C-alpha atoms as a PDB file:
ATOM      1  CA  MET A   1     -10.433 114.833 118.738  1.00  0.00           C
ATOM      2  CA  VAL A   2     -10.785 111.036 118.391  1.00  0.00           C
ATOM      3  CA  ASN A   3     -12.401 109.491 115.326  1.00  0.00           C
ATOM      4  CA  GLU A   4     -13.765 106.066 114.307  1.00  0.00           C
ATOM      5  CA  GLN A   5     -10.332 104.583 113.484  1.00  0.00           C
ATOM      6  CA  CYS A   6      -9.036 105.414 116.968  1.00  0.00           C
ATOM      7  CA  MET A   7      -6.732 108.064 115.580  1.00  0.00           C
ATOM      8  CA  LEU A   8      -5.820 111.219 117.430  1.00  0.00           C
ATOM      9  CA  ASN A   9      -5.593 114.238 115.141  1.00  0.00           C
ATOM     10  CA  SER A  10      -4.001 117.355 116.544  1.00  0.00           C
ATOM     11  CA  GLY A  11      -2.280 120.231 114.783  1.00  0.00           C
ATOM     12  CA  GLY A  12      -1.818 118.260 111.569  1.00  0.00           C
ATOM     13  CA  GLU A  13      -0.299 115.330 113.478  1.00  0.00           C
ATOM     14  CA  SER A  14      -2.008 111.920 113.602  1.00  0.00           C
ATOM     15  CA  LEU A  15      -1.305 109.246 116.190  1.00  0.00           C
ATOM     16  CA  ALA A  16      -2.893 105.800 116.238  1.00  0.00           C
ATOM     17  CA  LEU A  17      -4.320 104.694 119.547  1.00  0.00           C
ATOM     18  CA  GLN A  18      -3.880 101.011 120.400  1.00  0.00           C
ATOM     19  CA  LEU A  19      -7.597 100.514 121.081  1.00  0.00           C
ATOM     20  CA  THR A  20     -10.240  98.458 119.283  1.00  0.00           C
ATOM     21  CA  PRO A  21     -12.507 100.850 117.337  1.00  0.00           C
ATOM     22  CA  PRO A  22     -14.870 102.537 117.686  1.00  0.00           C
ATOM     23  CA  CYS A  23     -13.376 104.695 120.408  1.00  0.00           C
ATOM     24  CA  GLU A  24     -14.967 107.353 122.548  1.00  0.00           C
ATOM     25  CA  LEU A  25     -13.593 110.122 124.728  1.00  0.00           C
ATOM     26  CA  VAL A  26     -14.521 109.695 128.400  1.00  0.00           C
ATOM     27  CA  LYS A  27     -16.453 112.642 129.806  1.00  0.00           C
ATOM     28  CA  ILE A  28     -16.063 114.241 133.206  1.00  0.00           C
ATOM     29  CA  ASP A  29     -19.507 114.700 134.758  1.00  0.00           C
ATOM     30  CA  TYR A  30     -19.226 117.860 136.752  1.00  0.00           C
ATOM     31  CA  LYS A  31     -16.587 119.685 134.715  1.00  0.00           C
ATOM     32  CA  GLU A  32     -16.921 121.818 131.614  1.00  0.00           C
ATOM     33  CA  HIS A  33     -14.086 119.905 129.957  1.00  0.00           C
ATOM     34  CA  ASP A  34     -13.113 116.285 129.303  1.00  0.00           C
ATOM     35  CA  TYR A  35      -9.655 116.186 130.899  1.00  0.00           C
ATOM     36  CA  TYR A  36      -7.881 116.649 134.216  1.00  0.00           C
ATOM     37  CA  GLN A  37      -4.933 119.011 134.435  1.00  0.00           C
ATOM     38  CA  TYR A  38      -1.776 118.295 136.436  1.00  0.00           C
ATOM     39  CA  ASP A  39       0.805 121.089 136.342  1.00  0.00           C
ATOM     40  CA  LYS A  40       1.244 121.799 132.614  1.00  0.00           C
ATOM     41  CA  SER A  41      -0.213 118.459 131.486  1.00  0.00           C
ATOM     42  CA  LYS A  42      -3.769 117.650 130.408  1.00  0.00           C
ATOM     43  CA  VAL A  43      -4.848 114.005 130.709  1.00  0.00           C
ATOM     44  CA  TYR A  44      -7.648 112.673 128.490  1.00  0.00           C
ATOM     45  CA  ILE A  45      -8.911 109.080 128.609  1.00  0.00           C
ATOM     46  CA  VAL A  46     -10.318 107.247 125.614  1.00  0.00           C
ATOM     47  CA  ALA A  47     -12.378 104.053 125.826  1.00  0.00           C
ATOM     48  CA  GLY A  48     -12.144 101.317 123.216  1.00  0.00           C
ATOM     49  CA  GLN A  49     -14.997  99.370 121.658  1.00  0.00           C
ATOM     50  CA  ALA A  50     -17.927  98.682 123.971  1.00  0.00           C
ATOM     51  CA  ALA A  51     -17.782  95.218 125.530  1.00  0.00           C
ATOM     52  CA  PRO A  52     -20.753  92.834 125.301  1.00  0.00           C
ATOM     53  CA  VAL A  53     -23.017  93.205 128.346  1.00  0.00           C
ATOM     54  CA  SER A  54     -22.417  89.501 129.068  1.00  0.00           C
ATOM     55  CA  GLN A  55     -18.812  90.427 129.988  1.00  0.00           C
ATOM     56  CA  LEU A  56     -19.969  93.229 132.300  1.00  0.00           C
ATOM     57  CA  THR A  57     -22.292  91.333 134.641  1.00  0.00           C
ATOM     58  CA  LYS A  58     -20.285  92.159 137.790  1.00  0.00           C
ATOM     59  CA  TRP A  59     -21.065  95.868 137.300  1.00  0.00           C
ATOM     60  CA  SER A  60     -24.448  97.631 137.290  1.00  0.00           C
ATOM     61  CA  VAL A  61     -24.253  98.879 133.710  1.00  0.00           C
ATOM     62  CA  THR A  62     -26.398  98.483 130.605  1.00  0.00           C
ATOM     63  CA  ALA A  63     -25.670  98.231 126.878  1.00  0.00           C
ATOM     64  CA  GLU A  64     -26.650 101.918 126.564  1.00  0.00           C
ATOM     65  CA  ASP A  65     -23.713 102.850 128.815  1.00  0.00           C
ATOM     66  CA  LYS A  66     -21.332 101.639 126.034  1.00  0.00           C
ATOM     67  CA  CYS A  67     -18.803 100.463 128.625  1.00  0.00           C
ATOM     68  CA  SER A  68     -15.451  99.147 127.486  1.00  0.00           C
ATOM     69  CA  LEU A  69     -12.804  97.037 129.185  1.00  0.00           C
ATOM     70  CA  GLN A  70     -10.075  98.918 127.326  1.00  0.00           C
ATOM     71  CA  SER A  71      -8.775 102.435 127.863  1.00  0.00           C
ATOM     72  CA  GLN A  72      -5.784 104.567 126.971  1.00  0.00           C
ATOM     73  CA  ALA A  73      -4.719 108.015 128.139  1.00  0.00           C
ATOM     74  CA  ILE A  74      -3.616 110.911 125.980  1.00  0.00           C
ATOM     75  CA  ILE A  75      -1.301 113.249 127.856  1.00  0.00           C
ATOM     76  CA  VAL A  76      -0.648 116.690 126.392  1.00  0.00           C
ATOM     77  CA  THR A  77       2.223 118.701 127.879  1.00  0.00           C
ATOM     78  CA  ASP A  78       3.370 121.981 126.297  1.00  0.00           C
ATOM     79  CA  GLY A  79       1.802 120.944 122.982  1.00  0.00           C
ATOM     80  CA  LYS A  80       3.556 117.545 122.954  1.00  0.00           C
ATOM     81  CA  ILE A  81       1.367 114.448 122.888  1.00  0.00           C
ATOM     82  CA  GLN A  82       2.162 111.197 124.689  1.00  0.00           C
ATOM     83  CA  LEU A  83       0.090 108.023 124.717  1.00  0.00           C
ATOM     84  CA  SER A  84      -0.082 105.715 127.718  1.00  0.00           C
ATOM     85  CA  ALA A  85      -0.049 101.954 127.554  1.00  0.00           C
ATOM     86  CA  VAL A  86      -3.494 100.427 127.055  1.00  0.00           C
ATOM     87  CA  LYS A  87      -5.217  99.400 130.279  1.00  0.00           C
ATOM     88  CA  GLU A  88      -7.137  96.127 129.812  1.00  0.00           C
ATOM     89  CA  GLY A  89      -9.891  94.759 132.030  1.00  0.00           C
ATOM     90  CA  ALA A  90     -10.804  97.990 133.817  1.00  0.00           C
ATOM     91  CA  LEU A  91     -14.392  99.162 133.358  1.00  0.00           C
ATOM     92  CA  THR A  92     -14.491 102.434 131.398  1.00  0.00           C
ATOM     93  CA  CYS A  93     -17.854 103.968 130.510  1.00  0.00           C
ATOM     94  CA  PRO A  94     -17.531 107.129 128.358  1.00  0.00           C
ATOM     95  CA  ALA A  95     -20.947 108.539 129.317  1.00  0.00           C
ATOM     96  CA  ILE A  96     -20.599 107.753 133.033  1.00  0.00           C
ATOM     97  CA  GLY A  97     -17.040 109.027 133.404  1.00  0.00           C
ATOM     98  CA  LEU A  98     -14.182 108.000 135.689  1.00  0.00           C
ATOM     99  CA  ASP A  99     -12.910 109.039 139.067  1.00  0.00           C
ATOM    100  CA  GLU A 100     -10.075 111.573 139.107  1.00  0.00           C
ATOM    101  CA  LYS A 101      -7.723 108.984 140.635  1.00  0.00           C
ATOM    102  CA  VAL A 102      -7.814 107.013 137.339  1.00  0.00           C
ATOM    103  CA  TYR A 103      -6.540 110.082 135.465  1.00  0.00           C
ATOM    104  CA  ARG A 104      -3.903 110.636 138.157  1.00  0.00           C
ATOM    105  CA  ASP A 105      -2.797 106.991 137.888  1.00  0.00           C
ATOM    106  CA  PHE A 106      -2.287 107.276 134.099  1.00  0.00           C
ATOM    107  CA  PHE A 107      -0.388 110.554 134.623  1.00  0.00           C
ATOM    108  CA  ASP A 108       1.829 109.208 137.413  1.00  0.00           C
ATOM    109  CA  ARG A 109       2.692 106.063 135.428  1.00  0.00           C
ATOM    110  CA  LYS A 110       3.693 108.117 132.385  1.00  0.00           C
ATOM    111  CA  LYS A 111       5.711 110.546 134.503  1.00  0.00           C
ATOM    112  CA  ALA A 112       7.595 107.671 136.166  1.00  0.00           C
ATOM    113  CA  LYS A 113       8.974 106.444 132.823  1.00  0.00           C
END
């Protein structure tokens, strides 16, 4: 879904994410998929380039966690793709995952526009 240039490729359509490559899709630990669904919309979150561990000292993470301070949501509704604004400064670790409220926040912000 997301490749090294932080491009989203879907159904022959390509959209550039506004993240620093390489990017990685955030997983959801206990689910069999990597998105949350709200009504007819699926919300995916992508993390930007991993931040240096020296910038992550206030969290209990390691370099292996590949945590980023950049994330962007991809919202798919009835086959139409929307990108959220980039969230800067919020810890996003693709292998650890995020709480559902982060997905809901991206969705609610996009819906409010």
